[in-house]
Amino acid sequence: MAKNQLPILPTGGSGAVGKLVKTLLVVAVVVLIVKFPNDAAAFAQGAFDRIGDAINGVVTFLRGLGK
C-alpha cells in the first residue's frame, strides 16, 4: 500500500521550501492584521459566524435524526 493515498496533497512540508512557504504565509497574515486591523477583525468575525452556523446546522440535523 502506498504511503500517501492522495499524492496531490502534501504530507509533510518538512523541507526548506515548505518551511519558507509557511513562514511567508504567517508573515503575510501578520502584515494584513497590522495594516488593516478593522478589516481583519471583520473577516475573522464573519468566518467564525459561518463556522458557528455550520455547527448549528449539523446539530439540528443530528437532532432531527434522533426524533
PDB file of N, CA and C in Angstrom:
ATOM      1  N   MET A   1       0.839  -1.158   0.000  1.00  0.00           N
ATOM      2  CA  MET A   1       0.000   0.000   0.000  1.00  0.00           C
ATOM      3  C   MET A   1       0.898   1.240   0.000  1.00  0.00           C
ATOM      4  N   ALA A   2       0.499   2.232  -0.762  1.00  0.00           N
ATOM      5  CA  ALA A   2       1.276   3.460  -0.850  1.00  0.00           C
ATOM      6  C   ALA A   2       1.184   4.252   0.452  1.00  0.00           C
ATOM      7  N   LYS A   3       2.236   4.993   0.748  1.00  0.00           N
ATOM      8  CA  LYS A   3       2.242   5.791   1.963  1.00  0.00           C
ATOM      9  C   LYS A   3       1.216   6.920   1.883  1.00  0.00           C
ATOM     10  N   ASN A   4       1.101   7.544   0.737  1.00  0.00           N
ATOM     11  CA  ASN A   4       0.194   8.668   0.562  1.00  0.00           C
ATOM     12  C   ASN A   4      -0.909   8.256  -0.403  1.00  0.00           C
ATOM     13  N   GLN A   5      -2.124   8.126   0.093  1.00  0.00           N
ATOM     14  CA  GLN A   5      -3.238   7.715  -0.750  1.00  0.00           C
ATOM     15  C   GLN A   5      -3.592   8.781  -1.782  1.00  0.00           C
ATOM     16  N   LEU A   6      -3.436  10.048  -1.424  1.00  0.00           N
ATOM     17  CA  LEU A   6      -3.717  11.151  -2.338  1.00  0.00           C
ATOM     18  C   LEU A   6      -2.416  11.900  -2.611  1.00  0.00           C
ATOM     19  N   PRO A   7      -1.699  11.522  -3.674  1.00  0.00           N
ATOM     20  CA  PRO A   7      -0.394  12.132  -3.916  1.00  0.00           C
ATOM     21  C   PRO A   7      -0.468  13.626  -4.230  1.00  0.00           C
ATOM     22  N   ILE A   8      -1.668  14.133  -4.527  1.00  0.00           N
ATOM     23  CA  ILE A   8      -1.802  15.559  -4.821  1.00  0.00           C
ATOM     24  C   ILE A   8      -1.604  16.380  -3.549  1.00  0.00           C
ATOM     25  N   LEU A   9      -2.077  15.859  -2.411  1.00  0.00           N
ATOM     26  CA  LEU A   9      -1.987  16.579  -1.153  1.00  0.00           C
ATOM     27  C   LEU A   9      -0.611  16.389  -0.530  1.00  0.00           C
ATOM     28  N   PRO A  10       0.002  17.465  -0.063  1.00  0.00           N
ATOM     29  CA  PRO A  10       1.303  17.311   0.591  1.00  0.00           C
ATOM     30  C   PRO A  10       1.154  16.620   1.940  1.00  0.00           C
ATOM     31  N   THR A  11       2.153  15.841   2.298  1.00  0.00           N
ATOM     32  CA  THR A  11       2.062  15.097   3.545  1.00  0.00           C
ATOM     33  C   THR A  11       2.835  15.743   4.681  1.00  0.00           C
ATOM     34  N   GLY A  12       3.900  16.433   4.381  1.00  0.00           N
ATOM     35  CA  GLY A  12       4.712  16.925   5.480  1.00  0.00           C
ATOM     36  C   GLY A  12       5.014  18.401   5.400  1.00  0.00           C
ATOM     37  N   GLY A  13       5.784  18.768   4.437  1.00  0.00           N
ATOM     38  CA  GLY A  13       6.253  20.130   4.369  1.00  0.00           C
ATOM     39  C   GLY A  13       7.470  20.344   5.252  1.00  0.00           C
ATOM     40  N   SER A  14       8.202  19.276   5.502  1.00  0.00           N
ATOM     41  CA  SER A  14       9.364  19.392   6.375  1.00  0.00           C
ATOM     42  C   SER A  14      10.588  19.910   5.627  1.00  0.00           C
ATOM     43  N   GLY A  15      10.462  20.065   4.313  1.00  0.00           N
ATOM     44  CA  GLY A  15      11.585  20.566   3.542  1.00  0.00           C
ATOM     45  C   GLY A  15      11.735  22.062   3.690  1.00  0.00           C
ATOM     46  N   ALA A  16      12.808  22.581   3.136  1.00  0.00           N
ATOM     47  CA  ALA A  16      13.101  24.009   3.240  1.00  0.00           C
ATOM     48  C   ALA A  16      12.049  24.845   2.520  1.00  0.00           C
ATOM     49  N   VAL A  17      11.574  24.375   1.397  1.00  0.00           N
ATOM     50  CA  VAL A  17      10.565  25.122   0.636  1.00  0.00           C
ATOM     51  C   VAL A  17       9.257  25.184   1.414  1.00  0.00           C
ATOM     52  N   GLY A  18       8.865  24.088   2.012  1.00  0.00           N
ATOM     53  CA  GLY A  18       7.633  24.072   2.799  1.00  0.00           C
ATOM     54  C   GLY A  18       7.694  25.014   3.981  1.00  0.00           C
ATOM     55  N   LYS A  19       8.827  25.034   4.661  1.00  0.00           N
ATOM     56  CA  LYS A  19       9.010  25.943   5.794  1.00  0.00           C
ATOM     57  C   LYS A  19       9.003  27.390   5.335  1.00  0.00           C
ATOM     58  N   LEU A  20       9.610  27.660   4.181  1.00  0.00           N
ATOM     59  CA  LEU A  20       9.636  29.010   3.650  1.00  0.00           C
ATOM     60  C   LEU A  20       8.233  29.488   3.299  1.00  0.00           C
ATOM     61  N   VAL A  21       7.454  28.622   2.667  1.00  0.00           N
ATOM     62  CA  VAL A  21       6.084  28.979   2.299  1.00  0.00           C
ATOM     63  C   VAL A  21       5.248  29.246   3.550  1.00  0.00           C
ATOM     64  N   LYS A  22       5.360  28.390   4.555  1.00  0.00           N
ATOM     65  CA  LYS A  22       4.612  28.593   5.796  1.00  0.00           C
ATOM     66  C   LYS A  22       5.017  29.900   6.468  1.00  0.00           C
ATOM     67  N   THR A  23       6.308  30.179   6.493  1.00  0.00           N
ATOM     68  CA  THR A  23       6.791  31.412   7.110  1.00  0.00           C
ATOM     69  C   THR A  23       6.264  32.626   6.365  1.00  0.00           C
ATOM     70  N   LEU A  24       6.283  32.583   5.035  1.00  0.00           N
ATOM     71  CA  LEU A  24       5.778  33.700   4.245  1.00  0.00           C
ATOM     72  C   LEU A  24       4.279  33.905   4.466  1.00  0.00           C
ATOM     73  N   LEU A  25       3.523  32.816   4.588  1.00  0.00           N
ATOM     74  CA  LEU A  25       2.090  32.944   4.851  1.00  0.00           C
ATOM     75  C   LEU A  25       1.824  33.573   6.216  1.00  0.00           C
ATOM     76  N   VAL A  26       2.573  33.163   7.216  1.00  0.00           N
ATOM     77  CA  VAL A  26       2.398  33.736   8.560  1.00  0.00           C
ATOM     78  C   VAL A  26       2.749  35.219   8.541  1.00  0.00           C
ATOM     79  N   VAL A  27       3.845  35.581   7.882  1.00  0.00           N
ATOM     80  CA  VAL A  27       4.246  36.985   7.797  1.00  0.00           C
ATOM     81  C   VAL A  27       3.180  37.800   7.056  1.00  0.00           C
ATOM     82  N   ALA A  28       2.633  37.254   5.981  1.00  0.00           N
ATOM     83  CA  ALA A  28       1.600  37.957   5.216  1.00  0.00           C
ATOM     84  C   ALA A  28       0.361  38.201   6.067  1.00  0.00           C
ATOM     85  N   VAL A  29      -0.048  37.199   6.841  1.00  0.00           N
ATOM     86  CA  VAL A  29      -1.223  37.355   7.705  1.00  0.00           C
ATOM     87  C   VAL A  29      -0.963  38.409   8.773  1.00  0.00           C
ATOM     88  N   VAL A  30       0.210  38.386   9.371  1.00  0.00           N
ATOM     89  CA  VAL A  30       0.547  39.377  10.401  1.00  0.00           C
ATOM     90  C   VAL A  30       0.557  40.781   9.807  1.00  0.00           C
ATOM     91  N   VAL A  31       1.124  40.932   8.622  1.00  0.00           N
ATOM     92  CA  VAL A  31       1.158  42.244   7.969  1.00  0.00           C
ATOM     93  C   VAL A  31      -0.257  42.728   7.685  1.00  0.00           C
ATOM     94  N   LEU A  32      -1.118  41.859   7.191  1.00  0.00           N
ATOM     95  CA  LEU A  32      -2.501  42.257   6.925  1.00  0.00           C
ATOM     96  C   LEU A  32      -3.220  42.665   8.202  1.00  0.00           C
ATOM     97  N   ILE A  33      -2.975  41.948   9.292  1.00  0.00           N
ATOM     98  CA  ILE A  33      -3.619  42.288  10.568  1.00  0.00           C
ATOM     99  C   ILE A  33      -3.113  43.635  11.073  1.00  0.00           C
ATOM    100  N   VAL A  34      -1.820  43.896  10.924  1.00  0.00           N
ATOM    101  CA  VAL A  34      -1.260  45.152  11.410  1.00  0.00           C
ATOM    102  C   VAL A  34      -1.700  46.336  10.538  1.00  0.00           C
ATOM    103  N   LYS A  35      -1.708  46.158   9.227  1.00  0.00           N
ATOM    104  CA  LYS A  35      -2.056  47.262   8.327  1.00  0.00           C
ATOM    105  C   LYS A  35      -3.550  47.519   8.258  1.00  0.00           C
ATOM    106  N   PHE A  36      -4.366  46.473   8.370  1.00  0.00           N
ATOM    107  CA  PHE A  36      -5.808  46.613   8.237  1.00  0.00           C
ATOM    108  C   PHE A  36      -6.518  45.894   9.385  1.00  0.00           C
ATOM    109  N   PRO A  37      -6.390  46.389  10.607  1.00  0.00           N
ATOM    110  CA  PRO A  37      -6.949  45.655  11.754  1.00  0.00           C
ATOM    111  C   PRO A  37      -8.472  45.547  11.725  1.00  0.00           C
ATOM    112  N   ASN A  38      -9.158  46.602  11.285  1.00  0.00           N
ATOM    113  CA  ASN A  38     -10.624  46.550  11.250  1.00  0.00           C
ATOM    114  C   ASN A  38     -11.121  45.537  10.222  1.00  0.00           C
ATOM    115  N   ASP A  39     -10.511  45.541   9.054  1.00  0.00           N
ATOM    116  CA  ASP A  39     -10.901  44.581   8.018  1.00  0.00           C
ATOM    117  C   ASP A  39     -10.586  43.154   8.446  1.00  0.00           C
ATOM    118  N   ALA A  40      -9.427  42.973   9.094  1.00  0.00           N
ATOM    119  CA  ALA A  40      -9.052  41.636   9.550  1.00  0.00           C
ATOM    120  C   ALA A  40     -10.022  41.147  10.625  1.00  0.00           C
ATOM    121  N   ALA A  41     -10.425  42.045  11.519  1.00  0.00           N
ATOM    122  CA  ALA A  41     -11.374  41.661  12.565  1.00  0.00           C
ATOM    123  C   ALA A  41     -12.739  41.318  11.969  1.00  0.00           C
ATOM    124  N   ALA A  42     -13.180  42.092  10.995  1.00  0.00           N
ATOM    125  CA  ALA A  42     -14.461  41.810  10.344  1.00  0.00           C
ATOM    126  C   ALA A  42     -14.410  40.474   9.604  1.00  0.00           C
ATOM    127  N   PHE A  43     -13.298  40.196   8.953  1.00  0.00           N
ATOM    128  CA  PHE A  43     -13.143  38.921   8.253  1.00  0.00           C
ATOM    129  C   PHE A  43     -13.178  37.756   9.235  1.00  0.00           C
ATOM    130  N   ALA A  44     -12.441  37.898  10.347  1.00  0.00           N
ATOM    131  CA  ALA A  44     -12.405  36.826  11.345  1.00  0.00           C
ATOM    132  C   ALA A  44     -13.786  36.618  11.963  1.00  0.00           C
ATOM    133  N   GLN A  45     -14.488  37.710  12.260  1.00  0.00           N
ATOM    134  CA  GLN A  45     -15.837  37.594  12.838  1.00  0.00           C
ATOM    135  C   GLN A  45     -16.770  36.881  11.865  1.00  0.00           C
ATOM    136  N   GLY A  46     -16.696  37.240  10.594  1.00  0.00           N
ATOM    137  CA  GLY A  46     -17.527  36.586   9.588  1.00  0.00           C
ATOM    138  C   GLY A  46     -17.203  35.101   9.454  1.00  0.00           C
ATOM    139  N   ALA A  47     -15.917  34.777   9.509  1.00  0.00           N
ATOM    140  CA  ALA A  47     -15.510  33.372   9.403  1.00  0.00           C
ATOM    141  C   ALA A  47     -16.031  32.573  10.591  1.00  0.00           C
ATOM    142  N   PHE A  48     -15.912  33.137  11.806  1.00  0.00           N
ATOM    143  CA  PHE A  48     -16.399  32.433  12.993  1.00  0.00           C
ATOM    144  C   PHE A  48     -17.916  32.307  12.983  1.00  0.00           C
ATOM    145  N   ASP A  49     -18.595  33.326  12.454  1.00  0.00           N
ATOM    146  CA  ASP A  49     -20.055  33.244  12.342  1.00  0.00           C
ATOM    147  C   ASP A  49     -20.465  32.101  11.412  1.00  0.00           C
ATOM    148  N   ARG A  50     -19.771  31.976  10.300  1.00  0.00           N
ATOM    149  CA  ARG A  50     -20.094  30.900   9.342  1.00  0.00           C
ATOM    150  C   ARG A  50     -19.795  29.528   9.930  1.00  0.00           C
ATOM    151  N   ILE A  51     -18.698  29.421  10.665  1.00  0.00           N
ATOM    152  CA  ILE A  51     -18.376  28.143  11.314  1.00  0.00           C
ATOM    153  C   ILE A  51     -19.443  27.800  12.339  1.00  0.00           C
ATOM    154  N   GLY A  52     -19.889  28.796  13.111  1.00  0.00           N
ATOM    155  CA  GLY A  52     -20.953  28.576  14.086  1.00  0.00           C
ATOM    156  C   GLY A  52     -22.259  28.161  13.424  1.00  0.00           C
ATOM    157  N   ASP A  53     -22.579  28.792  12.301  1.00  0.00           N
ATOM    158  CA  ASP A  53     -23.788  28.419  11.567  1.00  0.00           C
ATOM    159  C   ASP A  53     -23.705  26.986  11.052  1.00  0.00           C
ATOM    160  N   ALA A  54     -22.534  26.595  10.580  1.00  0.00           N
ATOM    161  CA  ALA A  54     -22.354  25.232  10.089  1.00  0.00           C
ATOM    162  C   ALA A  54     -22.512  24.219  11.218  1.00  0.00           C
ATOM    163  N   ILE A  55     -21.943  24.526  12.374  1.00  0.00           N
ATOM    164  CA  ILE A  55     -22.069  23.618  13.521  1.00  0.00           C
ATOM    165  C   ILE A  55     -23.525  23.516  13.959  1.00  0.00           C
ATOM    166  N   ASN A  56     -24.223  24.656  13.997  1.00  0.00           N
ATOM    167  CA  ASN A  56     -25.642  24.628  14.356  1.00  0.00           C
ATOM    168  C   ASN A  56     -26.454  23.808  13.367  1.00  0.00           C
ATOM    169  N   GLY A  57     -26.113  23.893  12.088  1.00  0.00           N
ATOM    170  CA  GLY A  57     -26.814  23.098  11.085  1.00  0.00           C
ATOM    171  C   GLY A  57     -26.600  21.608  11.285  1.00  0.00           C
ATOM    172  N   VAL A  58     -25.376  21.215  11.602  1.00  0.00           N
ATOM    173  CA  VAL A  58     -25.087  19.799  11.847  1.00  0.00           C
ATOM    174  C   VAL A  58     -25.831  19.311  13.082  1.00  0.00           C
ATOM    175  N   VAL A  59     -25.841  20.126  14.138  1.00  0.00           N
ATOM    176  CA  VAL A  59     -26.537  19.744  15.369  1.00  0.00           C
ATOM    177  C   VAL A  59     -28.035  19.609  15.107  1.00  0.00           C
ATOM    178  N   THR A  60     -28.603  20.542  14.361  1.00  0.00           N
ATOM    179  CA  THR A  60     -30.034  20.460  14.023  1.00  0.00           C
ATOM    180  C   THR A  60     -30.320  19.195  13.230  1.00  0.00           C
ATOM    181  N   PHE A  61     -29.447  18.864  12.295  1.00  0.00           N
ATOM    182  CA  PHE A  61     -29.623  17.650  11.503  1.00  0.00           C
ATOM    183  C   PHE A  61     -29.570  16.415  12.386  1.00  0.00           C
ATOM    184  N   LEU A  62     -28.589  16.350  13.283  1.00  0.00           N
ATOM    185  CA  LEU A  62     -28.457  15.183  14.148  1.00  0.00           C
ATOM    186  C   LEU A  62     -29.632  15.065  15.106  1.00  0.00           C
ATOM    187  N   ARG A  63     -30.142  16.190  15.605  1.00  0.00           N
ATOM    188  CA  ARG A  63     -31.325  16.142  16.449  1.00  0.00           C
ATOM    189  C   ARG A  63     -32.544  15.666  15.672  1.00  0.00           C
ATOM    190  N   GLY A  64     -32.631  16.052  14.421  1.00  0.00           N
ATOM    191  CA  GLY A  64     -33.717  15.597  13.559  1.00  0.00           C
ATOM    192  C   GLY A  64     -33.666  14.099  13.327  1.00  0.00           C
ATOM    193  N   LEU A  65     -32.472  13.541  13.264  1.00  0.00           N
ATOM    194  CA  LEU A  65     -32.331  12.091  13.097  1.00  0.00           C
ATOM    195  C   LEU A  65     -32.793  11.352  14.341  1.00  0.00           C
ATOM    196  N   GLY A  66     -32.638  11.976  15.505  1.00  0.00           N
ATOM    197  CA  GLY A  66     -32.997  11.324  16.758  1.00  0.00           C
ATOM    198  C   GLY A  66     -34.488  11.287  17.043  1.00  0.00           C
ATOM    199  N   LYS A  67     -35.266  12.033  16.295  1.00  0.00           N
ATOM    200  CA  LYS A  67     -36.710  12.078  16.545  1.00  0.00           C
ATOM    201  C   LYS A  67     -37.415  10.891  15.969  1.00  0.00           C
TER     202      LYS A  67
END
